[in-house]
Amino acid sequence: MSRFSSLQSNRRVFMMQVATAATAVLAVSEASAQAMVDEKDPQAAGLAYKADATKVDKAKNPKFAAGSNCGNCALYQGKGGAASGGCPLFAGKQVSAKAWCSAWAKKA
């Protein structure tokens, strides 16, 4: 009978470890999805990404139009009114709704 108790105890411990590991994996993936794009990131620099669209150098970025930002871009995946959201150009990272990059396209 003690062997049966030991087996159940080991199974219980194993199941708790699996649940803990799964929670940890979800927490890590959630945290990494929350990372914001850094202007110094090579991809961001290549797209002239600015976290604040009001600071875009219009001489270097003639495509920039006043009022354009990630929040009104066709690529922006954030919810309306959200401070940040996803963008397929920066997979796994968030962009500010007030940001801008050279890939900006008017939302339909």
C-alpha atoms as a PDB file:
ATOM      1  CA  MET A   1       0.000   0.000   0.000  1.00  0.00           C
ATOM      2  CA  SER A   2       2.864   2.409   0.660  1.00  0.00           C
ATOM      3  CA  ARG A   3       4.122   1.894  -2.887  1.00  0.00           C
ATOM      4  CA  PHE A   4       0.715   3.019  -4.202  1.00  0.00           C
ATOM      5  CA  SER A   5       0.793   6.121  -1.971  1.00  0.00           C
ATOM      6  CA  SER A   6       4.291   6.941  -3.158  1.00  0.00           C
ATOM      7  CA  LEU A   7       3.218   6.624  -6.794  1.00  0.00           C
ATOM      8  CA  GLN A   8       0.279   8.978  -6.274  1.00  0.00           C
ATOM      9  CA  SER A   9       2.523  11.444  -4.458  1.00  0.00           C
ATOM     10  CA  ASN A  10       5.030  11.427  -7.325  1.00  0.00           C
ATOM     11  CA  ARG A  11       2.239  11.945  -9.834  1.00  0.00           C
ATOM     12  CA  ARG A  12       0.861  14.861  -7.824  1.00  0.00           C
ATOM     13  CA  VAL A  13       4.300  16.487  -7.643  1.00  0.00           C
ATOM     14  CA  PHE A  14       4.799  15.960 -11.380  1.00  0.00           C
ATOM     15  CA  MET A  15       1.434  17.548 -12.216  1.00  0.00           C
ATOM     16  CA  MET A  16       2.209  20.570 -10.025  1.00  0.00           C
ATOM     17  CA  GLN A  17       5.589  20.960 -11.731  1.00  0.00           C
ATOM     18  CA  VAL A  18       3.972  20.808 -15.172  1.00  0.00           C
ATOM     19  CA  ALA A  19       1.409  23.438 -14.177  1.00  0.00           C
ATOM     20  CA  THR A  20       4.130  25.693 -12.751  1.00  0.00           C
ATOM     21  CA  ALA A  21       6.296  25.321 -15.861  1.00  0.00           C
ATOM     22  CA  ALA A  22       3.367  26.101 -18.162  1.00  0.00           C
ATOM     23  CA  THR A  23       2.547  29.220 -16.171  1.00  0.00           C
ATOM     24  CA  ALA A  24       6.173  30.342 -16.303  1.00  0.00           C
ATOM     25  CA  VAL A  25       6.326  29.857 -20.078  1.00  0.00           C
ATOM     26  CA  LEU A  26       3.135  31.889 -20.556  1.00  0.00           C
ATOM     27  CA  ALA A  27       4.430  34.656 -18.299  1.00  0.00           C
ATOM     28  CA  VAL A  28       7.721  34.879 -20.208  1.00  0.00           C
ATOM     29  CA  SER A  29       6.011  34.945 -23.610  1.00  0.00           C
ATOM     30  CA  GLU A  30       3.561  37.572 -22.374  1.00  0.00           C
ATOM     31  CA  ALA A  31       6.399  39.725 -21.041  1.00  0.00           C
ATOM     32  CA  SER A  32       8.364  39.491 -24.283  1.00  0.00           C
ATOM     33  CA  ALA A  33       5.282  40.443 -26.290  1.00  0.00           C
ATOM     34  CA  GLN A  34       5.014  43.603 -24.212  1.00  0.00           C
ATOM     35  CA  ALA A  35       8.497  44.910 -25.136  1.00  0.00           C
ATOM     36  CA  MET A  36       8.456  48.262 -26.910  1.00  0.00           C
ATOM     37  CA  VAL A  37      10.385  48.931 -30.101  1.00  0.00           C
ATOM     38  CA  ASP A  38      13.611  50.830 -29.459  1.00  0.00           C
ATOM     39  CA  GLU A  39      14.453  53.612 -31.923  1.00  0.00           C
ATOM     40  CA  LYS A  40      18.064  52.375 -31.928  1.00  0.00           C
ATOM     41  CA  ASP A  41      17.061  48.861 -33.046  1.00  0.00           C
ATOM     42  CA  PRO A  42      18.563  48.278 -36.530  1.00  0.00           C
ATOM     43  CA  GLN A  43      15.184  47.504 -38.103  1.00  0.00           C
ATOM     44  CA  ALA A  44      13.579  50.536 -36.457  1.00  0.00           C
ATOM     45  CA  ALA A  45      16.447  52.779 -37.578  1.00  0.00           C
ATOM     46  CA  GLY A  46      16.119  51.442 -41.130  1.00  0.00           C
ATOM     47  CA  LEU A  47      12.445  52.402 -41.145  1.00  0.00           C
ATOM     48  CA  ALA A  48      13.134  55.820 -39.544  1.00  0.00           C
ATOM     49  CA  TYR A  49      10.960  54.797 -36.564  1.00  0.00           C
ATOM     50  CA  LYS A  50      10.310  57.536 -34.022  1.00  0.00           C
ATOM     51  CA  ALA A  51       8.426  56.811 -30.810  1.00  0.00           C
ATOM     52  CA  ASP A  52       6.960  60.328 -30.988  1.00  0.00           C
ATOM     53  CA  ALA A  53       5.742  61.351 -34.449  1.00  0.00           C
ATOM     54  CA  THR A  54       6.033  65.037 -33.561  1.00  0.00           C
ATOM     55  CA  LYS A  55       9.832  64.583 -33.471  1.00  0.00           C
ATOM     56  CA  VAL A  56      10.158  63.210 -37.020  1.00  0.00           C
ATOM     57  CA  ASP A  57      12.724  65.131 -39.091  1.00  0.00           C
ATOM     58  CA  LYS A  58      10.649  66.222 -42.077  1.00  0.00           C
ATOM     59  CA  ALA A  59      13.777  66.994 -44.117  1.00  0.00           C
ATOM     60  CA  LYS A  60      15.034  63.397 -43.791  1.00  0.00           C
ATOM     61  CA  ASN A  61      11.536  61.898 -44.165  1.00  0.00           C
ATOM     62  CA  PRO A  62       9.674  63.741 -46.934  1.00  0.00           C
ATOM     63  CA  LYS A  63       6.958  61.059 -46.851  1.00  0.00           C
ATOM     64  CA  PHE A  64       5.940  62.213 -43.350  1.00  0.00           C
ATOM     65  CA  ALA A  65       2.641  64.079 -43.228  1.00  0.00           C
ATOM     66  CA  ALA A  66       1.447  66.004 -40.196  1.00  0.00           C
ATOM     67  CA  GLY A  67      -1.026  63.931 -38.201  1.00  0.00           C
ATOM     68  CA  SER A  68       0.252  60.560 -39.409  1.00  0.00           C
ATOM     69  CA  ASN A  69       1.196  58.114 -36.655  1.00  0.00           C
ATOM     70  CA  CYS A  70       1.010  54.418 -35.864  1.00  0.00           C
ATOM     71  CA  GLY A  71      -2.460  54.811 -34.370  1.00  0.00           C
ATOM     72  CA  ASN A  72      -3.875  55.705 -37.813  1.00  0.00           C
ATOM     73  CA  CYS A  73      -1.663  53.347 -39.851  1.00  0.00           C
ATOM     74  CA  ALA A  74      -3.090  50.354 -41.737  1.00  0.00           C
ATOM     75  CA  LEU A  75      -0.391  48.107 -40.231  1.00  0.00           C
ATOM     76  CA  TYR A  76      -1.142  49.014 -36.599  1.00  0.00           C
ATOM     77  CA  GLN A  77      -2.765  46.132 -34.707  1.00  0.00           C
ATOM     78  CA  GLY A  78      -3.585  47.883 -31.442  1.00  0.00           C
ATOM     79  CA  LYS A  79      -7.144  48.478 -30.331  1.00  0.00           C
ATOM     80  CA  GLY A  80      -8.642  51.907 -30.922  1.00  0.00           C
ATOM     81  CA  GLY A  81      -7.553  54.310 -28.207  1.00  0.00           C
ATOM     82  CA  ALA A  82      -4.794  51.989 -26.933  1.00  0.00           C
ATOM     83  CA  ALA A  83      -1.445  53.610 -26.083  1.00  0.00           C
ATOM     84  CA  SER A  84       0.447  50.855 -27.904  1.00  0.00           C
ATOM     85  CA  GLY A  85      -0.103  47.836 -30.090  1.00  0.00           C
ATOM     86  CA  GLY A  86       1.509  45.326 -32.374  1.00  0.00           C
ATOM     87  CA  CYS A  87       2.910  45.872 -35.842  1.00  0.00           C
ATOM     88  CA  PRO A  88       3.886  43.121 -38.299  1.00  0.00           C
ATOM     89  CA  LEU A  89       7.079  45.028 -39.123  1.00  0.00           C
ATOM     90  CA  PHE A  90       8.276  44.628 -35.528  1.00  0.00           C
ATOM     91  CA  ALA A  91       7.189  41.095 -34.648  1.00  0.00           C
ATOM     92  CA  GLY A  92       6.927  40.394 -30.928  1.00  0.00           C
ATOM     93  CA  LYS A  93       7.226  44.061 -29.964  1.00  0.00           C
ATOM     94  CA  GLN A  94       4.818  46.882 -29.337  1.00  0.00           C
ATOM     95  CA  VAL A  95       4.830  50.255 -31.061  1.00  0.00           C
ATOM     96  CA  SER A  96       3.484  53.428 -29.538  1.00  0.00           C
ATOM     97  CA  ALA A  97       0.248  54.682 -31.083  1.00  0.00           C
ATOM     98  CA  LYS A  98       1.947  58.097 -31.250  1.00  0.00           C
ATOM     99  CA  ALA A  99       4.966  56.732 -33.143  1.00  0.00           C
ATOM    100  CA  TRP A 100       5.721  56.873 -36.880  1.00  0.00           C
ATOM    101  CA  CYS A 101       7.890  55.016 -39.401  1.00  0.00           C
ATOM    102  CA  SER A 102       8.511  55.274 -43.127  1.00  0.00           C
ATOM    103  CA  ALA A 103       6.215  52.293 -43.808  1.00  0.00           C
ATOM    104  CA  TRP A 104       3.192  54.302 -42.631  1.00  0.00           C
ATOM    105  CA  ALA A 105       0.092  53.727 -44.782  1.00  0.00           C
ATOM    106  CA  LYS A 106      -3.261  55.436 -44.251  1.00  0.00           C
ATOM    107  CA  LYS A 107      -5.819  53.223 -42.544  1.00  0.00           C
ATOM    108  CA  ALA A 108      -8.859  52.665 -44.711  1.00  0.00           C
END
